[in-house]
C-alpha cells in the first residue's frame, strides 16, 4: 500500500534527521520521545494501522519487536485522542490530519502542553510528510466541539437525501447565489 510505504520512508527520514544517521536506537526513539501521533486518515481504522506500522518501524522484529498489548496501550495513549472527531463525523480526507490535530487538542487540552507530537500527512500521488511539533501553548480554538456534535439532529437516510437534493437543486450551478434557509430541519 502506497500509504504505508510513504509512512515508512517518512518515519525513517525523520528519525535520521532528528537523531542522526549513526544512532542505532534512533528508530524507537521517535515512538518513545513523542507523546502523540497524528495521522492522515480516511477512517479511524487507518489511524490504527498507521500507528501499528509506526511501532513496527520503531521496534523492528529483528530487534525484539514490541508486544501487541504494549502496542495497543501506546495507541490508546498516543494516537487515539486524535481520532475522536473522525470517529464521530467521518473522514475529512484532505484535511484529516488537521482535523485529527484539532481532535487531539480538544481531547487532551492542557495535558498536551509541553509535549511533542509527530504528524503524518499523506496526499494522493504519494506526496507525504512527517514532522514534529512541540506544544508550547494550546491554540486559540473552540474546545466545545464535542458538545456541538452531541447536539446534532439525527435523520434517517431518506430525509437526509431529500434535504441534500433540495439544497443542491436550489443552488448548484447558479451564479450570484445568495444562501438562504432552504427549509431543512435543524
Protein backbone atom coordinates (compact mmCIF):
# COMPACT_ATOMS: atom_id res chain seq x y z
CA UNK A 1 0.00 0.00 0.00
CA UNK A 2 1.39 3.38 -1.02
CA UNK A 3 0.23 4.99 2.24
CA UNK A 4 2.27 2.56 4.35
CA UNK A 5 5.33 2.83 2.12
CA UNK A 6 5.20 6.61 2.45
CA UNK A 7 4.79 6.33 6.22
CA UNK A 8 7.82 4.00 6.40
CA UNK A 9 10.03 6.37 4.41
CA UNK A 10 8.86 9.45 6.30
CA UNK A 11 9.44 7.69 9.64
CA UNK A 12 12.94 6.59 8.64
CA UNK A 13 13.89 10.01 7.27
CA UNK A 14 12.55 11.89 10.29
CA UNK A 15 14.37 9.51 12.65
CA UNK A 16 17.64 10.13 10.81
CA UNK A 17 17.09 13.88 10.73
CA UNK A 18 16.25 14.15 14.43
CA UNK A 19 18.67 11.60 15.89
CA UNK A 20 21.39 11.28 13.26
CA UNK A 21 22.32 8.51 10.89
CA UNK A 22 24.68 6.76 13.31
CA UNK A 23 22.30 6.32 16.25
CA UNK A 24 21.27 2.65 16.29
CA UNK A 25 18.43 3.47 18.72
CA UNK A 26 17.04 6.27 16.51
CA UNK A 27 14.04 4.30 15.17
CA UNK A 28 12.50 3.56 18.56
CA UNK A 29 13.33 6.98 19.97
CA UNK A 30 10.71 8.61 17.75
CA UNK A 31 7.98 6.45 19.32
CA UNK A 32 9.35 6.90 22.84
CA UNK A 33 10.11 10.63 22.67
CA UNK A 34 6.81 11.85 21.22
CA UNK A 35 3.73 11.96 23.39
CA UNK A 36 1.29 11.85 20.47
CA UNK A 37 0.96 10.71 16.88
CA UNK A 38 -1.49 12.33 14.46
CA UNK A 39 -2.11 10.63 11.12
CA UNK A 40 -3.88 11.41 7.90
CA UNK A 41 -6.81 9.04 7.68
CA UNK A 42 -9.79 8.04 5.63
CA UNK A 43 -11.08 6.13 8.66
CA UNK A 44 -10.01 5.59 12.24
CA UNK A 45 -9.08 2.06 11.22
CA UNK A 46 -6.35 3.56 9.02
CA UNK A 47 -5.07 5.52 12.04
CA UNK A 48 -4.80 2.24 13.96
CA UNK A 49 -2.96 0.60 11.07
CA UNK A 50 -0.66 3.63 10.71
CA UNK A 51 0.24 3.58 14.40
CA UNK A 52 0.83 -0.19 14.24
CA UNK A 53 3.20 0.43 11.35
CA UNK A 54 4.84 3.26 13.30
CA UNK A 55 5.50 0.80 16.14
CA UNK A 56 6.86 -1.74 13.65
CA UNK A 57 9.24 0.94 12.37
CA UNK A 58 10.20 1.93 15.89
CA UNK A 59 10.60 -1.59 17.21
CA UNK A 60 11.57 -3.86 14.30
CA UNK A 61 11.08 -7.61 14.78
CA UNK A 62 14.77 -8.30 14.26
CA UNK A 63 15.45 -6.07 17.28
CA UNK A 64 12.93 -7.79 19.51
CA UNK A 65 9.79 -6.01 18.35
CA UNK A 66 7.04 -4.87 20.64
CA UNK A 67 4.26 -6.90 22.20
CA UNK A 68 0.76 -6.42 20.84
CA UNK A 69 -0.63 -5.49 24.26
CA UNK A 70 2.01 -2.77 24.70
CA UNK A 71 1.38 -1.55 21.17
CA UNK A 72 -2.36 -1.28 21.90
CA UNK A 73 -1.67 0.62 25.12
CA UNK A 74 0.59 3.02 23.25
CA UNK A 75 -2.15 3.52 20.62
CA UNK A 76 -4.72 4.44 23.27
CA UNK A 77 -2.27 6.84 24.90
CA UNK A 78 -0.50 8.36 21.89
CA UNK A 79 -2.79 8.13 18.85
CA UNK A 80 -6.42 7.51 19.80
CA UNK A 81 -7.05 11.01 21.24
CA UNK A 82 -6.53 12.39 17.75
CA UNK A 83 -9.28 10.20 16.28
CA UNK A 84 -12.34 11.17 18.32
CA UNK A 85 -13.72 13.75 15.87
CA UNK A 86 -13.18 11.48 12.87
CA UNK A 87 -14.98 8.69 14.75
CA UNK A 88 -18.00 10.96 15.06
CA UNK A 89 -18.10 12.73 11.70
CA UNK A 90 -16.23 10.51 9.26
CA UNK A 91 -13.28 11.39 7.10
CA UNK A 92 -12.47 14.94 6.12
CA UNK A 93 -9.96 13.36 3.73
CA UNK A 94 -7.80 16.29 2.58
CA UNK A 95 -7.86 17.99 5.96
CA UNK A 96 -7.92 14.80 8.01
CA UNK A 97 -4.56 15.15 9.74
CA UNK A 98 -5.55 18.70 10.77
CA UNK A 99 -8.99 17.53 11.87
CA UNK A 100 -7.17 14.92 13.93
CA UNK A 101 -4.78 17.54 15.30
CA UNK A 102 -7.83 19.59 16.33
CA UNK A 103 -9.26 16.46 17.97
CA UNK A 104 -6.03 15.89 19.89
CA UNK A 105 -6.08 19.43 21.31
CA UNK A 106 -9.81 19.25 22.12
CA UNK A 107 -9.36 15.88 23.84
CA UNK A 108 -6.09 16.36 25.68
CA UNK A 109 -6.25 20.15 26.24
CA UNK A 110 -3.67 21.21 28.88
CA UNK A 111 -2.13 17.71 29.01
CA UNK A 112 -0.67 18.36 25.55
CA UNK A 113 1.23 21.49 26.61
CA UNK A 114 4.96 20.88 26.85
CA UNK A 115 4.73 17.67 24.83
CA UNK A 116 5.92 16.86 21.34
CA UNK A 117 3.99 15.06 18.66
CA UNK A 118 4.50 13.60 15.19
CA UNK A 119 2.14 14.44 12.35
CA UNK A 120 1.97 12.26 9.23
CA UNK A 121 0.27 13.91 6.27
CA UNK A 122 -0.42 11.91 3.12
CA UNK A 123 -1.71 13.03 -0.24
CA UNK A 124 -2.65 11.23 -3.40
CA UNK A 125 0.26 10.59 -5.69
CA UNK A 126 2.37 9.68 -2.66
CA UNK A 127 3.05 13.25 -1.59
CA UNK A 128 3.63 12.82 2.11
CA UNK A 129 5.47 14.31 5.02
CA UNK A 130 6.09 13.60 8.68
CA UNK A 131 7.07 16.34 11.04
CA UNK A 132 7.30 17.02 14.76
CA UNK A 133 5.60 19.76 16.71
CA UNK A 134 6.19 20.87 20.26
CA UNK A 135 3.14 22.27 22.01
CA UNK A 136 4.21 25.37 23.89
CA UNK A 137 0.63 26.58 24.35
CA UNK A 138 -2.77 25.49 23.19
CA UNK A 139 -4.00 27.12 20.00
CA UNK A 140 -6.88 29.56 20.27
CA UNK A 141 -9.80 27.39 19.29
CA UNK A 142 -13.27 26.44 20.39
CA UNK A 143 -12.88 23.40 22.61
CA UNK A 144 -16.66 22.81 22.67
CA UNK A 145 -16.62 20.64 19.54
CA UNK A 146 -17.87 17.52 21.29
CA UNK A 147 -20.79 19.34 22.90
CA UNK A 148 -21.78 20.73 19.50
CA UNK A 149 -21.50 17.30 17.93
CA UNK A 150 -23.76 15.93 20.67
CA UNK A 151 -26.44 18.46 19.66
CA UNK A 152 -26.69 17.19 16.10
CA UNK A 153 -30.09 16.01 14.96
CA UNK A 154 -30.18 12.51 13.55
CA UNK A 155 -32.04 11.99 10.30
CA UNK A 156 -32.97 8.80 8.56
CA UNK A 157 -31.19 8.38 5.21
CA UNK A 158 -34.28 9.19 3.15
CA UNK A 159 -34.97 12.55 4.79
CA UNK A 160 -31.27 13.42 4.69
CA UNK A 161 -31.14 12.73 0.96
CA UNK A 162 -34.26 14.86 0.46
CA UNK A 163 -32.56 17.78 2.24
CA UNK A 164 -29.40 17.39 0.16
CA UNK A 165 -31.45 17.24 -3.04
CA UNK A 166 -33.47 20.32 -2.06
CA UNK A 167 -30.31 22.26 -1.32
CA UNK A 168 -28.35 21.18 -4.39
CA UNK A 169 -31.21 21.81 -6.84
CA UNK A 170 -31.70 25.30 -5.47
CA UNK A 171 -28.01 26.23 -5.52
CA UNK A 172 -26.00 24.10 -7.97
CA UNK A 173 -24.59 25.95 -10.96
CA UNK A 174 -26.11 29.29 -10.03
CA UNK A 175 -24.03 32.42 -10.16
CA UNK A 176 -24.71 35.29 -7.80
CA UNK A 177 -26.36 32.79 -5.47
CA UNK A 178 -27.14 34.14 -2.02
CA UNK A 179 -27.59 31.48 0.64
CA UNK A 180 -30.98 31.30 2.33
CA UNK A 181 -32.82 28.94 4.62
CA UNK A 182 -33.85 26.09 2.34
CA UNK A 183 -36.21 24.53 4.85
CA UNK A 184 -34.08 21.78 6.28
CA UNK A 185 -34.80 20.85 9.89
CA UNK A 186 -32.02 21.57 12.30
